[in-house]
C-alpha cells in the first residue's frame, strides 16, 4: 500500500490506514478517493496536489 503527502502541511494519507474520520476505511486506495478529496488537516490542498511517497 502506498502513502501520499500534502505539500502544505505534511499530512500523509496511508492507504493501509485510510481516513476513518473522513469516511475512508483502511485499505481505501488513492485511486478510490474522489477527485474532490482535500487534506483533512489543513483543507488547503486537493488530491491533485499530493505527492506519492516512495515505498
C-alpha atoms as a PDB file:
ATOM      1  CA  UNK A   1       0.000   0.000   0.000  1.00  0.00           C
ATOM      2  CA  UNK A   2       1.211   3.499  -0.799  1.00  0.00           C
ATOM      3  CA  UNK A   3       1.361   6.827   1.015  1.00  0.00           C
ATOM      4  CA  UNK A   4       0.673  10.315  -0.338  1.00  0.00           C
ATOM      5  CA  UNK A   5       1.776  13.580   1.278  1.00  0.00           C
ATOM      6  CA  UNK A   6       0.212  17.041   1.383  1.00  0.00           C
ATOM      7  CA  UNK A   7       2.778  19.663   0.310  1.00  0.00           C
ATOM      8  CA  UNK A   8       1.164  22.311   2.528  1.00  0.00           C
ATOM      9  CA  UNK A   9       1.194  20.693   5.981  1.00  0.00           C
ATOM     10  CA  UNK A  10       2.920  17.324   5.579  1.00  0.00           C
ATOM     11  CA  UNK A  11      -0.171  15.210   6.292  1.00  0.00           C
ATOM     12  CA  UNK A  12       0.210  11.688   4.918  1.00  0.00           C
ATOM     13  CA  UNK A  13      -2.601   9.584   3.534  1.00  0.00           C
ATOM     14  CA  UNK A  14      -1.668   5.950   4.105  1.00  0.00           C
ATOM     15  CA  UNK A  15      -3.778   3.548   2.058  1.00  0.00           C
ATOM     16  CA  UNK A  16      -3.395   0.813   4.664  1.00  0.00           C
ATOM     17  CA  UNK A  17      -4.900   3.074   7.361  1.00  0.00           C
ATOM     18  CA  UNK A  18      -7.404   5.007   5.250  1.00  0.00           C
ATOM     19  CA  UNK A  19      -9.006   8.040   6.912  1.00  0.00           C
ATOM     20  CA  UNK A  20     -11.911   6.713   9.016  1.00  0.00           C
ATOM     21  CA  UNK A  21     -12.877  10.184  10.316  1.00  0.00           C
ATOM     22  CA  UNK A  22     -13.467  11.234   6.714  1.00  0.00           C
ATOM     23  CA  UNK A  23     -15.320   8.022   5.808  1.00  0.00           C
ATOM     24  CA  UNK A  24     -12.468   6.160   4.070  1.00  0.00           C
ATOM     25  CA  UNK A  25     -11.931   2.678   5.504  1.00  0.00           C
ATOM     26  CA  UNK A  26      -8.489   1.083   5.878  1.00  0.00           C
ATOM     27  CA  UNK A  27      -7.426  -0.314   2.513  1.00  0.00           C
ATOM     28  CA  UNK A  28      -9.026   2.514   0.505  1.00  0.00           C
ATOM     29  CA  UNK A  29      -6.607   3.166  -2.348  1.00  0.00           C
ATOM     30  CA  UNK A  30      -5.646   6.619  -3.564  1.00  0.00           C
ATOM     31  CA  UNK A  31      -7.412   5.940  -6.859  1.00  0.00           C
ATOM     32  CA  UNK A  32     -10.661   5.218  -4.988  1.00  0.00           C
ATOM     33  CA  UNK A  33     -10.658   8.634  -3.301  1.00  0.00           C
ATOM     34  CA  UNK A  34     -12.821  11.202  -5.077  1.00  0.00           C
ATOM     35  CA  UNK A  35     -11.119  13.988  -7.052  1.00  0.00           C
ATOM     36  CA  UNK A  36     -12.716  16.383  -4.557  1.00  0.00           C
ATOM     37  CA  UNK A  37     -10.674  14.904  -1.679  1.00  0.00           C
ATOM     38  CA  UNK A  38      -8.995  17.677   0.333  1.00  0.00           C
ATOM     39  CA  UNK A  39      -6.359  17.420   3.031  1.00  0.00           C
ATOM     40  CA  UNK A  40      -8.152  16.597   6.296  1.00  0.00           C
ATOM     41  CA  UNK A  41      -5.534  18.508   8.318  1.00  0.00           C
ATOM     42  CA  UNK A  42      -5.165  21.835   6.508  1.00  0.00           C
ATOM     43  CA  UNK A  43      -8.067  21.763   3.997  1.00  0.00           C
ATOM     44  CA  UNK A  44      -5.894  23.851   1.668  1.00  0.00           C
ATOM     45  CA  UNK A  45      -4.671  21.231  -0.805  1.00  0.00           C
ATOM     46  CA  UNK A  46      -6.679  18.944  -3.057  1.00  0.00           C
ATOM     47  CA  UNK A  47      -5.937  15.397  -4.189  1.00  0.00           C
ATOM     48  CA  UNK A  48      -4.067  16.541  -7.317  1.00  0.00           C
ATOM     49  CA  UNK A  49      -1.558  18.463  -5.167  1.00  0.00           C
ATOM     50  CA  UNK A  50      -0.438  15.442  -3.116  1.00  0.00           C
ATOM     51  CA  UNK A  51       2.838  13.659  -3.866  1.00  0.00           C
ATOM     52  CA  UNK A  52       3.277   9.909  -3.804  1.00  0.00           C
ATOM     53  CA  UNK A  53       5.987   8.849  -1.369  1.00  0.00           C
ATOM     54  CA  UNK A  54       8.471   6.123  -2.225  1.00  0.00           C
ATOM     55  CA  UNK A  55       7.603   2.732  -0.734  1.00  0.00           C
END
